[in-house]
Protein backbone atom coordinates (compact mmCIF):
# COMPACT_ATOMS: atom_id res chain seq x y z
CA MET A 1 103.29 58.76 45.95
CA PRO A 2 100.30 60.85 44.83
CA ARG A 3 97.07 60.15 46.65
CA ILE A 4 94.26 60.98 44.26
CA SER A 5 90.61 60.66 45.24
CA MET A 6 87.60 60.28 42.99
CA PRO A 7 83.93 59.91 43.98
CA PHE A 8 82.41 56.58 43.01
CA ALA A 9 79.07 57.78 41.76
CA VAL A 10 77.74 60.88 40.09
CA LEU A 11 74.05 61.66 40.50
CA SER A 12 72.46 63.19 37.42
CA ALA A 13 68.93 64.00 36.43
CA ALA A 14 68.79 60.97 34.15
CA CYS A 15 70.29 58.09 36.13
CA ILE A 16 72.87 56.92 38.66
CA LEU A 17 76.13 56.25 36.86
CA PRO A 18 78.21 53.29 38.11
CA PRO A 19 81.89 53.75 38.94
CA VAL A 20 84.41 53.52 36.12
CA TYR A 21 87.06 50.86 36.55
CA ALA A 22 90.03 49.67 34.60
CA ASP A 23 89.42 46.29 33.00
CA ASP A 24 90.75 44.09 35.80
CA VAL A 25 90.57 40.41 34.94
CA THR A 26 88.87 39.28 38.16
CA ARG A 27 86.02 41.74 37.65
CA VAL A 28 85.46 40.46 34.12
CA GLU A 29 85.88 36.81 35.10
CA THR A 30 83.25 37.04 37.86
CA ARG A 31 81.03 39.32 35.74
CA LEU A 32 81.19 41.83 38.56
CA ASP A 33 81.62 44.58 35.98
CA LEU A 34 78.21 43.73 34.53
CA ALA A 35 76.60 43.63 37.98
CA VAL A 36 77.90 47.12 38.69
CA GLU A 37 76.86 48.42 35.28
CA ARG A 38 73.37 46.96 35.46
CA TYR A 39 72.48 47.36 39.15
CA GLY A 40 74.87 49.98 40.50
CA VAL A 41 75.86 47.76 43.44
CA SER A 42 78.77 48.80 45.64
CA GLY A 43 78.15 47.26 49.08
CA ALA A 44 76.83 50.57 50.46
CA GLY A 45 75.11 50.18 53.82
CA VAL A 46 76.69 46.76 54.50
CA VAL A 47 79.41 46.02 57.05
CA VAL A 48 82.31 43.83 55.97
CA ALA A 49 83.99 42.38 59.07
CA ILE A 50 87.49 41.00 58.58
CA PHE A 51 89.40 39.09 61.24
CA ASP A 52 92.98 38.94 59.99
CA ARG A 53 96.47 40.44 60.54
CA GLY A 54 95.23 44.00 60.88
CA ILE A 55 94.96 46.80 58.33
CA ASP A 56 96.86 49.80 57.03
CA TRP A 57 94.20 52.32 58.06
CA ARG A 58 96.07 55.06 56.18
CA HIS A 59 95.77 53.33 52.80
CA PRO A 60 93.57 55.29 50.36
CA ASP A 61 91.47 52.19 49.69
CA PHE A 62 89.98 52.54 53.16
CA ILE A 63 89.42 56.30 53.11
CA LYS A 64 86.33 57.98 51.67
CA PRO A 65 86.54 60.75 49.06
CA ASP A 66 85.92 63.30 51.84
CA GLY A 67 89.05 62.14 53.68
CA THR A 68 87.32 60.22 56.48
CA THR A 69 87.83 56.57 57.28
CA ARG A 70 85.62 53.73 56.10
CA ILE A 71 86.50 51.76 59.24
CA LYS A 72 83.75 51.86 61.86
CA PHE A 73 85.74 49.99 64.50
CA LEU A 74 89.19 48.43 64.78
CA LEU A 75 90.07 45.90 67.50
CA ASP A 76 93.77 45.11 67.96
CA MET A 77 94.50 41.91 69.92
CA THR A 78 98.29 42.07 69.45
CA GLY A 79 100.35 40.37 72.15
CA PRO A 80 103.91 39.16 72.76
CA ALA A 81 105.18 35.88 71.33
CA SER A 82 102.67 33.26 72.42
CA TYR A 83 99.33 31.82 71.46
CA TYR A 84 96.84 33.63 73.64
CA TYR A 85 93.90 31.29 73.60
CA CYS A 86 90.79 32.22 75.50
CA ASP A 87 91.73 30.41 78.71
CA ASP A 88 95.20 32.03 78.98
CA PRO A 89 95.26 34.43 81.97
CA ALA A 90 98.27 36.22 80.43
CA ARG A 91 96.24 37.18 77.37
CA PRO A 92 96.70 40.92 76.76
CA VAL A 93 93.75 43.28 76.80
CA ALA A 94 92.53 44.03 73.29
CA VAL A 95 92.58 47.69 72.24
CA GLU A 96 89.56 49.22 70.50
CA TYR A 97 89.75 52.18 68.12
CA THR A 98 86.60 53.93 66.92
CA GLU A 99 85.82 55.66 63.67
CA ALA A 100 86.37 58.98 65.47
CA ASP A 101 89.79 57.84 66.73
CA ILE A 102 90.91 56.90 63.22
CA ASN A 103 89.57 60.10 61.71
CA ALA A 104 91.47 62.13 64.30
CA ALA A 105 94.66 60.24 63.47
CA LEU A 106 94.15 60.84 59.75
CA GLN A 107 93.96 64.56 60.52
CA GLY A 108 97.23 64.53 62.48
CA GLY A 109 95.75 63.87 65.92
CA PRO A 110 96.68 61.11 68.39
CA PRO A 111 98.15 58.16 66.45
CA ILE A 112 96.54 54.78 66.10
CA ASN A 113 98.95 52.22 67.49
CA SER A 114 97.89 49.42 65.20
CA ARG A 115 99.54 48.13 62.03
CA ASP A 116 99.43 45.25 59.61
CA ALA A 117 103.04 44.15 60.01
CA VAL A 118 102.60 41.14 57.73
CA GLY A 119 100.45 42.66 54.98
CA HIS A 120 97.91 39.85 54.74
CA GLY A 121 95.06 41.67 56.46
CA THR A 122 95.27 44.78 54.30
CA ALA A 123 95.30 42.70 51.12
CA SER A 124 92.29 40.69 52.31
CA ALA A 125 90.34 43.86 53.09
CA GLY A 126 91.36 45.26 49.71
CA VAL A 127 90.09 42.23 47.80
CA ALA A 128 86.76 42.31 49.63
CA ALA A 129 86.12 46.02 49.86
CA GLY A 130 88.98 48.28 48.77
CA ASN A 131 87.72 51.36 46.94
CA GLY A 132 90.72 51.77 44.63
CA ARG A 133 91.19 55.45 45.49
CA ALA A 134 94.97 55.32 45.07
CA PHE A 135 94.14 55.92 41.38
CA ALA A 136 91.45 58.04 39.84
CA ASP A 137 90.10 55.14 37.77
CA GLY A 138 89.80 52.85 40.80
CA ARG A 139 91.60 50.19 38.81
CA TYR A 140 92.21 47.82 41.70
CA ALA A 141 89.06 48.40 43.71
CA GLY A 142 87.70 45.43 45.61
CA VAL A 143 84.32 43.84 45.11
CA ALA A 144 82.32 46.02 47.53
CA PRO A 145 84.07 49.41 47.42
CA GLU A 146 81.46 51.35 49.43
CA ALA A 147 80.91 48.87 52.25
CA ASP A 148 81.74 49.90 55.80
CA LEU A 149 84.52 47.99 57.58
CA ILE A 150 85.00 46.45 60.99
CA ILE A 151 88.52 45.11 61.44
CA VAL A 152 89.90 42.72 64.05
CA LYS A 153 93.64 42.13 64.23
CA ILE A 154 93.37 38.64 65.65
CA VAL A 155 96.52 36.90 64.45
CA SER A 156 100.04 37.44 63.20
CA ASP A 157 102.40 34.97 61.57
CA GLY A 158 105.24 37.11 62.89
CA ALA A 159 107.14 39.73 60.92
CA ALA A 160 110.87 40.40 60.78
CA ALA A 161 112.23 43.87 61.40
CA HIS A 162 112.71 45.77 58.14
CA ASP A 163 113.34 49.35 57.05
CA ASP A 164 112.26 51.43 60.05
CA GLN A 165 109.71 48.86 61.25
CA PRO A 166 110.23 46.74 64.39
CA ALA A 167 109.69 43.00 64.38
CA GLU A 168 106.32 41.58 65.37
CA ALA A 169 105.95 38.34 67.31
CA PRO A 170 103.43 35.72 66.21
CA PHE A 171 100.23 35.48 68.24
CA VAL A 172 96.64 34.26 68.07
CA GLY A 173 93.87 36.13 69.84
CA CYS A 174 90.71 34.74 71.39
CA ILE A 175 88.23 34.22 68.56
CA GLN A 176 85.24 33.98 70.90
CA GLU A 177 86.08 37.30 72.53
CA ALA A 178 86.43 38.91 69.10
CA LEU A 179 83.11 37.49 67.90
CA ASP A 180 81.31 38.72 71.01
CA TRP A 181 82.86 42.15 70.47
CA LEU A 182 81.71 42.18 66.83
CA ASP A 183 78.18 41.25 67.86
CA ALA A 184 78.13 44.16 70.32
CA LYS A 185 79.48 46.63 67.76
CA LEU A 186 76.87 45.65 65.18
CA ALA A 187 74.20 46.25 67.80
CA GLN A 188 75.77 49.64 68.54
CA LEU A 189 75.57 50.49 64.82
CA GLY A 190 71.87 49.60 64.68
CA GLN A 191 72.23 46.05 63.30
CA PRO A 192 73.32 46.78 59.73
CA PRO A 193 73.66 43.74 57.46
CA CYS A 194 77.07 42.16 57.91
CA VAL A 195 79.21 39.60 56.15
CA GLY A 196 82.28 38.43 58.04
CA ILE A 197 85.37 36.28 57.61
CA ILE A 198 88.01 34.88 59.96
CA ASN A 199 90.84 34.68 57.44
CA MET A 200 93.02 32.09 59.13
CA GLY A 201 92.92 28.38 59.88
CA VAL A 202 94.09 24.98 58.72
CA GLN A 203 92.89 21.38 58.66
CA TYR A 204 92.87 21.22 62.45
CA GLY A 205 89.77 20.50 64.48
CA PRO A 206 86.79 18.13 64.41
CA LEU A 207 85.97 19.44 60.89
CA ASP A 208 82.26 18.83 61.34
CA GLY A 209 81.06 22.20 62.62
CA SER A 210 81.15 21.06 66.26
CA SER A 211 84.27 22.86 67.55
CA VAL A 212 83.85 25.62 70.10
CA VAL A 213 84.98 28.17 67.49
CA CYS A 214 82.52 26.95 64.85
CA ARG A 215 79.71 27.05 67.37
CA GLN A 216 80.57 30.63 68.29
CA ILE A 217 80.65 31.67 64.63
CA GLU A 218 77.28 29.99 64.15
CA GLY A 219 75.90 31.86 67.17
CA VAL A 220 76.89 35.28 65.83
CA PHE A 221 76.08 34.59 62.18
CA GLY A 222 74.19 31.32 61.76
CA PRO A 223 72.46 29.79 58.74
CA ASN A 224 69.11 31.53 59.28
CA ARG A 225 69.86 34.88 60.92
CA PRO A 226 68.61 37.70 58.66
CA GLY A 227 71.34 40.06 57.52
CA ARG A 228 74.23 38.03 58.93
CA VAL A 229 76.46 35.83 56.76
CA TYR A 230 79.77 34.15 57.54
CA ALA A 231 82.02 33.33 54.57
CA CYS A 232 85.53 31.97 54.10
CA GLY A 233 87.86 30.09 51.77
CA THR A 234 88.24 26.33 51.80
CA GLY A 235 91.93 26.24 52.75
CA ASP A 236 95.34 25.72 51.16
CA GLU A 237 95.88 22.00 51.73
CA GLY A 238 94.31 20.46 48.66
CA GLY A 239 96.20 17.79 46.77
CA PHE A 240 98.28 16.63 49.73
CA PRO A 241 98.10 13.05 51.09
CA SER A 242 96.96 14.51 54.39
CA HIS A 243 93.60 12.85 55.08
CA ALA A 244 93.05 9.13 55.39
CA GLY A 245 90.18 7.22 56.90
CA GLY A 246 87.95 4.21 56.90
CA ASP A 247 85.53 2.05 58.84
CA TYR A 248 86.58 -0.20 61.73
CA ASP A 249 84.99 -2.82 63.96
CA ASN A 250 86.05 -5.25 66.69
CA SER A 251 87.01 -8.12 64.40
CA THR A 252 89.72 -6.91 62.02
CA PRO A 253 91.65 -3.67 62.64
CA LEU A 254 91.58 -0.79 60.21
CA ILE A 255 95.18 -0.27 59.06
CA ILE A 256 96.30 3.06 57.57
CA ARG A 257 99.82 3.15 56.14
CA PHE A 258 102.10 6.21 56.18
CA THR A 259 105.70 7.22 55.51
CA LYS A 260 107.89 9.61 57.53
CA PRO A 261 111.15 10.51 55.76
CA ASN A 262 112.92 12.40 58.57
CA ALA A 263 113.38 12.26 62.33
CA ALA A 264 111.69 15.55 63.21
CA ALA A 265 108.92 15.10 65.76
CA TYR A 266 105.48 15.54 64.23
CA GLY A 267 101.99 15.05 65.59
CA LEU A 268 98.76 14.21 63.84
CA THR A 269 95.16 14.21 64.95
CA ALA A 270 92.35 11.78 64.31
CA TRP A 271 88.66 11.71 65.15
CA TYR A 272 86.46 8.66 65.38
CA THR A 273 82.93 7.62 66.29
CA GLY A 274 82.38 8.29 69.98
CA GLU A 275 79.85 5.51 70.42
CA GLN A 276 82.31 2.93 69.11
CA PRO A 277 85.40 3.20 71.35
CA ALA A 278 88.61 1.74 69.95
CA GLU A 279 92.23 1.05 70.84
CA ILE A 280 94.86 2.79 68.71
CA THR A 281 98.34 1.48 67.92
CA VAL A 282 101.18 3.00 65.90
CA ARG A 283 103.56 0.36 64.52
CA MET A 284 106.71 1.27 62.57
CA ASP A 285 108.27 -1.08 60.03
CA ASN A 286 111.50 -0.96 62.07
CA GLY A 287 109.73 -2.66 65.00
CA ALA A 288 109.03 0.40 67.18
CA VAL A 289 105.51 0.39 68.63
CA VAL A 290 103.38 2.57 70.84
CA GLY A 291 100.03 1.27 72.08
CA PRO A 292 97.47 -0.09 72.09
CA VAL A 293 96.19 3.21 73.52
CA PRO A 294 92.79 2.66 75.19
CA PRO A 295 90.08 5.33 75.28
CA GLU A 296 90.84 8.23 77.64
CA GLU A 297 94.39 7.02 78.32
CA TRP A 298 97.90 7.73 76.98
CA ARG A 299 101.00 5.70 76.16
CA LEU A 300 104.67 6.68 75.58
CA ASN A 301 107.15 4.27 74.02
CA ASN A 302 110.10 4.38 71.60
CA GLY A 303 109.89 8.17 71.56
CA MET A 304 106.32 7.97 70.24
CA PHE A 305 103.28 9.24 72.10
CA GLY A 306 99.57 8.45 71.86
CA LEU A 307 96.66 10.03 73.72
CA GLN A 308 92.88 9.63 73.55
CA TYR A 309 90.71 12.43 74.91
CA ALA A 310 87.32 11.89 76.47
CA PRO A 311 84.53 13.38 74.33
CA GLY A 312 84.12 17.05 75.22
CA ALA A 313 87.47 17.22 77.05
CA GLU A 314 89.57 18.18 74.04
CA PRO A 315 91.89 21.21 74.36
CA TYR A 316 90.89 24.61 72.98
CA PRO A 317 90.18 25.29 70.13
CA LEU A 318 89.37 21.66 69.34
CA THR A 319 86.72 21.31 72.04
CA SER A 320 83.75 19.58 70.43
CA ASP A 321 80.19 18.79 71.44
CA SER A 322 79.77 16.04 68.83
CA GLY A 323 80.47 13.14 71.20
CA ASP A 324 83.22 11.86 68.90
CA ARG A 325 86.70 11.07 70.18
CA LEU A 326 89.96 12.93 69.48
CA VAL A 327 93.24 11.03 69.17
CA TYR A 328 96.65 12.72 69.21
CA LEU A 329 99.63 10.77 67.87
CA ASP A 330 103.27 11.94 67.79
CA ILE A 331 105.56 9.71 65.76
CA GLY A 332 108.61 11.26 67.46
CA PRO A 333 112.07 10.53 66.02
CA GLN A 334 110.99 7.43 64.09
CA THR A 335 111.51 7.37 60.32
CA GLY A 336 110.43 5.15 57.44
CA GLY A 337 107.17 3.34 56.89
CA GLY A 338 104.57 2.66 59.53
CA GLN A 339 100.91 2.16 60.17
CA ILE A 340 98.04 3.24 62.42
CA GLU A 341 95.91 0.34 63.66
CA VAL A 342 92.37 0.95 64.86
CA GLN A 343 90.69 -1.91 66.72
CA GLY A 344 87.09 -1.59 67.87
CA ILE A 345 86.32 -2.73 71.42
CA TYR A 346 82.63 -3.58 71.09
CA SER A 347 80.45 -4.87 68.27
CA GLY A 348 79.40 -2.31 65.72
CA VAL A 349 81.05 -0.23 63.01
CA GLY A 350 82.72 3.15 63.50
CA ARG A 351 84.46 5.68 61.28
CA PHE A 352 88.06 6.82 61.82
CA ASP A 353 89.63 9.86 60.08
CA ALA A 354 93.26 10.94 60.48
CA TYR A 355 94.52 14.38 59.48
CA LEU A 356 97.88 16.05 58.90
CA VAL A 357 98.19 19.82 59.29
CA GLY A 358 99.79 22.15 56.78
CA GLY A 359 101.50 21.37 53.56
CA PRO A 360 103.39 19.67 52.37
CA PRO A 361 103.22 17.73 55.64
CA PRO A 362 106.29 15.80 56.87
CA ILE A 363 104.22 12.62 56.97
CA SER A 364 102.31 11.18 54.02
CA PHE A 365 99.45 8.71 54.15
CA THR A 366 99.92 6.07 51.48
CA ASP A 367 96.55 4.31 51.52
CA HIS A 368 92.95 4.85 52.61
CA LEU A 369 93.22 8.41 51.27
CA ALA A 370 89.94 10.28 51.64
CA PRO A 371 88.52 13.56 50.27
CA GLY A 372 87.99 16.50 52.60
CA ARG A 373 90.80 18.92 53.57
CA LEU A 374 88.84 21.95 54.74
CA ASN A 375 89.91 24.31 57.48
CA ASP A 376 87.78 23.94 60.60
CA GLY A 377 85.99 27.30 60.27
CA ALA A 378 84.78 26.33 56.81
CA THR A 379 82.79 23.49 58.37
CA THR A 380 80.64 25.87 60.44
CA PHE A 381 76.94 25.31 59.88
CA GLY A 382 75.77 28.13 57.63
CA ALA A 383 79.26 29.08 56.43
CA VAL A 384 79.38 30.09 52.77
CA VAL A 385 82.62 28.62 51.45
CA ALA A 386 84.73 29.46 48.40
CA GLY A 387 87.10 27.21 46.54
CA VAL A 388 90.10 28.78 44.81
CA TYR A 389 90.80 29.08 41.12
CA VAL A 390 93.45 30.95 39.16
CA SER A 391 92.82 34.42 37.72
CA ARG A 392 96.12 35.08 35.90
CA ASN A 393 98.87 33.10 34.23
CA ALA A 394 101.53 35.69 35.09
CA TYR A 395 102.13 39.22 36.32
CA THR A 396 104.78 41.92 35.99
CA ASP A 397 106.29 43.44 39.12
CA ILE A 398 107.03 47.08 39.86
CA ASN A 399 110.55 46.75 38.39
CA GLY A 400 109.30 45.24 35.12
CA ASN A 401 110.16 41.61 35.90
CA HIS A 402 107.80 38.96 34.52
CA TRP A 403 106.61 36.26 36.94
CA PRO A 404 104.83 33.26 35.39
CA ASN A 405 102.39 31.24 37.48
CA ASN A 406 104.39 28.03 37.10
CA GLY A 407 102.83 24.79 38.27
CA GLU A 408 99.87 26.37 40.05
CA GLY A 409 97.26 26.04 37.32
CA LEU A 410 96.32 28.15 34.32
CA ALA A 411 93.81 30.99 34.38
CA GLY A 412 90.36 29.50 34.89
CA GLU A 413 91.67 26.28 36.41
CA LEU A 414 91.45 25.17 40.02
CA TRP A 415 94.44 26.31 42.06
CA HIS A 416 96.49 23.20 42.75
CA ARG A 417 96.25 23.59 46.55
CA SER A 418 92.61 24.55 46.87
CA SER A 419 91.20 22.43 49.69
CA ASP A 420 88.25 20.18 49.00
CA GLY A 421 85.13 18.91 50.75
CA PRO A 422 83.32 17.16 52.20
CA THR A 423 83.15 18.02 55.89
CA ARG A 424 83.80 15.13 58.25
CA ASP A 425 80.04 14.75 58.80
CA GLY A 426 79.41 14.42 55.06
CA ARG A 427 78.22 17.87 53.90
CA LEU A 428 79.54 19.06 50.53
CA GLY A 429 81.60 21.75 52.24
CA VAL A 430 82.15 24.03 49.21
CA ASP A 431 79.50 26.39 47.83
CA ILE A 432 81.19 28.24 44.97
CA ALA A 433 84.68 29.02 43.61
CA THR A 434 86.22 32.46 43.11
CA PRO A 435 89.29 33.49 41.07
CA GLY A 436 91.29 34.57 44.10
CA HIS A 437 94.66 33.14 43.20
CA SER A 438 96.95 35.72 41.57
CA ALA A 439 94.49 38.53 42.34
CA PHE A 440 95.66 42.09 43.00
CA ALA A 441 94.90 44.01 46.19
CA ALA A 442 95.84 46.90 48.47
CA TYR A 443 99.21 46.59 50.24
CA ALA A 444 100.13 47.89 53.69
CA SER A 445 102.99 50.32 53.14
CA ASP A 446 104.93 49.33 56.28
CA SER A 447 104.43 45.57 55.95
CA VAL A 448 106.86 42.76 55.20
CA TRP A 449 104.89 42.00 52.05
CA HIS A 450 105.41 45.54 50.80
CA SER A 451 109.15 45.38 51.52
CA ALA A 452 109.45 42.50 49.02
CA TRP A 453 109.47 44.48 45.76
CA TRP A 454 108.58 41.45 43.64
CA ASN A 455 105.14 41.40 45.33
CA LEU A 456 104.29 44.88 44.05
CA ILE A 457 102.61 45.03 40.65
CA GLN A 458 103.84 47.11 37.72
CA ASP A 459 101.07 49.69 37.44
CA GLY A 460 100.14 49.70 41.13
CA GLY A 461 102.29 52.65 42.13
CA GLY A 462 103.46 50.83 45.23
CA TRP A 463 99.89 50.78 46.55
CA TYR A 464 98.94 47.32 45.23
CA GLY A 465 100.41 43.84 44.99
CA GLY A 466 99.54 40.20 44.59
CA HIS A 467 97.27 38.14 46.81
CA GLY A 468 96.27 34.52 46.41
CA ALA A 469 95.14 31.16 47.74
CA ALA A 470 92.10 30.77 50.00
CA SER A 471 93.24 33.95 51.77
CA SER A 472 92.13 35.86 48.67
CA SER A 473 89.24 33.73 47.43
CA GLY A 474 87.45 33.98 50.78
CA PRO A 475 87.49 37.82 50.83
CA MET A 476 86.41 37.89 47.18
CA LEU A 477 83.32 35.91 48.17
CA VAL A 478 82.79 38.21 51.17
CA GLY A 479 82.64 41.21 48.84
CA ALA A 480 80.16 39.48 46.54
CA ILE A 481 77.90 38.64 49.47
CA ALA A 482 78.02 42.29 50.55
CA LEU A 483 76.51 43.18 47.17
CA LEU A 484 73.68 40.71 47.75
CA LEU A 485 73.01 42.09 51.23
CA GLU A 486 72.94 45.58 49.75
CA GLN A 487 70.11 44.39 47.50
CA ASN A 488 68.24 42.70 50.35
CA ARG A 489 69.26 43.38 53.96
CA SER A 490 67.26 40.43 55.29
CA LEU A 491 69.02 37.66 53.39
CA THR A 492 70.21 34.75 55.53
CA ALA A 493 73.24 32.58 54.88
CA THR A 494 70.90 29.89 53.62
CA ASP A 495 69.36 32.38 51.18
CA VAL A 496 72.83 33.37 49.97
CA GLN A 497 73.84 29.75 49.50
CA ASN A 498 70.71 29.08 47.47
CA VAL A 499 71.40 32.10 45.24
CA LEU A 500 75.03 31.16 44.67
CA HIS A 501 74.16 27.52 44.02
CA SER A 502 71.53 28.44 41.44
CA THR A 503 73.73 30.98 39.63
CA GLY A 504 77.14 29.27 39.73
CA ARG A 505 78.77 28.85 36.33
CA SER A 506 80.01 25.43 35.23
CA ASP A 507 82.45 24.87 32.39
CA ALA A 508 85.15 22.50 31.17
CA GLU A 509 87.37 23.30 34.16
CA THR A 510 84.71 22.71 36.82
CA GLY A 511 83.33 19.56 35.28
CA VAL A 512 79.95 18.38 36.51
CA THR A 513 78.82 20.39 39.51
CA PRO A 514 78.27 20.31 42.40
CA ASN A 515 81.49 18.67 43.47
CA GLY A 516 83.86 18.88 46.41
CA PHE A 517 86.36 21.21 44.74
CA TRP A 518 84.20 23.73 42.90
CA GLY A 519 80.96 23.48 44.81
CA TYR A 520 78.27 24.69 42.42
CA GLY A 521 80.75 26.24 39.99
CA LYS A 522 82.41 29.60 39.41
CA LEU A 523 81.01 32.76 40.97
CA ASP A 524 78.81 34.76 38.61
CA ALA A 525 78.29 38.04 40.48
CA HIS A 526 75.97 39.46 37.83
CA ALA A 527 73.65 36.45 37.88
CA ALA A 528 73.68 36.35 41.69
CA VAL A 529 72.83 40.06 42.04
CA ALA A 530 70.13 39.70 39.40
CA ALA A 531 68.63 36.75 41.26
CA VAL A 532 68.39 38.75 44.48
CA ALA A 533 67.05 41.81 42.67
CA ALA A 534 64.31 39.64 41.18
CA ARG A 535 63.17 38.71 44.70
CA CYS A 536 62.01 42.29 45.24
CA PRO A 537 61.42 43.76 41.78
CA ALA A 538 59.59 46.89 42.91
CA SER A 539 62.13 48.26 45.40
CA ILE A 540 63.60 50.49 42.72
CA ASN A 541 65.90 52.40 45.06
CA GLY A 542 67.14 49.18 46.69
CA ASP A 543 66.06 50.02 50.25
CA THR A 544 63.90 46.84 50.45
CA GLN A 545 60.69 48.91 50.86
CA VAL A 546 58.14 49.46 48.08
CA ASP A 547 56.78 52.95 48.69
CA LEU A 548 56.29 56.45 47.29
CA ASN A 549 60.03 56.86 46.79
CA ASP A 550 59.95 54.04 44.25
CA LEU A 551 56.86 55.48 42.57
CA THR A 552 58.60 58.84 42.19
CA ILE A 553 61.61 57.20 40.53
CA LEU A 554 59.44 55.11 38.23
CA LEU A 555 57.34 58.07 37.09
CA SER A 556 60.45 60.13 36.38
CA ARG A 557 61.68 57.37 34.07
CA PHE A 558 58.31 56.55 32.47
CA GLY A 559 58.52 56.16 28.74
CA MET A 560 62.28 55.47 28.67
CA SER A 561 63.15 52.82 26.13
CA SER A 562 66.93 52.71 26.30
CA GLY A 563 69.76 53.23 28.74
CA VAL A 564 67.65 52.17 31.68
CA THR A 565 68.81 50.07 34.60
CA PHE A 566 66.84 47.92 36.99
CA ARG A 567 66.75 50.66 39.60
CA ASP A 568 65.53 53.19 37.05
CA GLY A 569 62.16 51.42 36.90
CA ASP A 570 62.51 48.65 34.31
CA LEU A 571 60.98 46.16 36.72
CA ASP A 572 60.31 43.44 34.19
CA ILE A 573 63.75 43.94 32.59
CA ASP A 574 62.46 44.29 29.06
CA ALA A 575 64.51 47.43 28.24
CA ASP A 576 61.68 49.92 28.65
CA VAL A 577 59.68 51.58 31.44
CA ASP A 578 55.97 51.33 30.78
CA LEU A 579 52.60 50.34 32.21
CA ALA A 580 53.78 46.77 32.75
CA ASP A 581 56.33 48.12 35.24
CA VAL A 582 53.63 50.24 36.92
CA ALA A 583 51.56 47.10 37.39
CA ILE A 584 54.45 45.32 39.07
CA LEU A 585 55.01 48.24 41.42
CA GLN A 586 51.29 48.45 42.30
CA SER A 587 51.17 44.75 43.13
CA ASN A 588 54.02 45.18 45.59
CA PHE A 589 53.16 48.60 47.01
CA GLY A 590 53.41 48.87 50.77
CA THR A 591 55.47 45.70 51.14
CA ALA A 592 59.07 44.90 51.98
CA CYS A 593 61.48 42.53 50.29
CA PRO A 594 60.77 38.91 51.22
């Protein structure tokens, strides 16, 4: 395959020209094309940190026009088949590769022993920040094509052997270790602005921001830390009967009905008010019972198992500091209808929420269904969270076969499995929605995804394929936030949320916003970038300082009445550069962006 490079910007005496892209539907839908045209944003100077299945570091999307890598650091936590949580003494030592290591490998030096065997991580990085260099027109560039990258291979779903590639066992690395490592690397780089994502997770955890993982994410990013933003997708469990809950007391039990059609063992988790201890019973319609299970005890009967953890004693990664109580219930080989009974011990009212993981789950709740199916990381305080909507009705694969998007929603509609808010503690849980489903992105050439030819798109030359669900919508939001941080390096997650909330686009598909599926509407990248630019109108060169450099640019453009952009000196955005713009610059001279 030809590997053609093209610089993204050409500096001329008149202005800075934005990159030229093919008319990709996601760029038009999010108005990213207008943001690039008007403001020249590219994510330059911002670090995009992606915790996923790894990356194809040889892919042109992650190589600069001069042939060097865009990856500042790569941490590979690959291990043998197991789940290497942080307290596992057998956890393998993570391997770090530097920018210099990767550059040497690209030039034929010592190889980098890291791959994206699945393909998910490369696609996620491509959506967020691919530069599209596999083609001269950059047709499938990501949202922030000039951002720097820090990559952590923290998980694998497992990959079968194929072509000349060996199999890869599934594993999960220690998220806390990876976050600490990221924090150290950002310090080593001089604390550049950073937007990060841990692109994994399901409806498993306390779902209120109190898990040990959420607290660690909050510590590294946080809602009010300048230049640090954590973002992610909502999850892929929307629409399933997988969350039920209600209030209970010590007079009449709360009863939640469910059905289990087959005999496969399956466990579910529930959380309830720690200050209102309760006894939990599972009762099947066939007469099998386990319980009552008292607080901090367990019961085993009829092949069913029930266990209540003491607050704070939950297993990793569920360990919570909320004071609420975790219940684990395994229905075992029982089939048919049944119910969970929650009986308070003391006077007072508590709240009980039961959750099923994955989808479609082998158990279905049939009453007391409740909204809120977010993955645990999305409930982190300060997390900026994207719902998922559909970008395309169909695509054509590399062999010319047409693949309609049957049953998953039409373009512009919510993807049918986009998870919804609120969080368990009652926050909305969704900030904005991005058209991540049926998006196109970079593909790892040696991955399982790439080996499935129907994933590869018709005009992608084997370099690009489909990506979707929250796994794509989250990175799309990450890229958009990188553009905002490029405009203002000191933005906090709270600032970013406020910008996205105020610029989200509502329409017939979203209905009245905010709501638990769409948040504040569809992402409008142009409006969001414009809103941040307006916060510092006199930093013409976008470095957040108002100084002689800006004056020089303004004077060189003075008297222009057409073809100007914001950074060319049109500070009041009235399509000319005149004394009114000089006045704005003078009023801000010697200051930094707020």
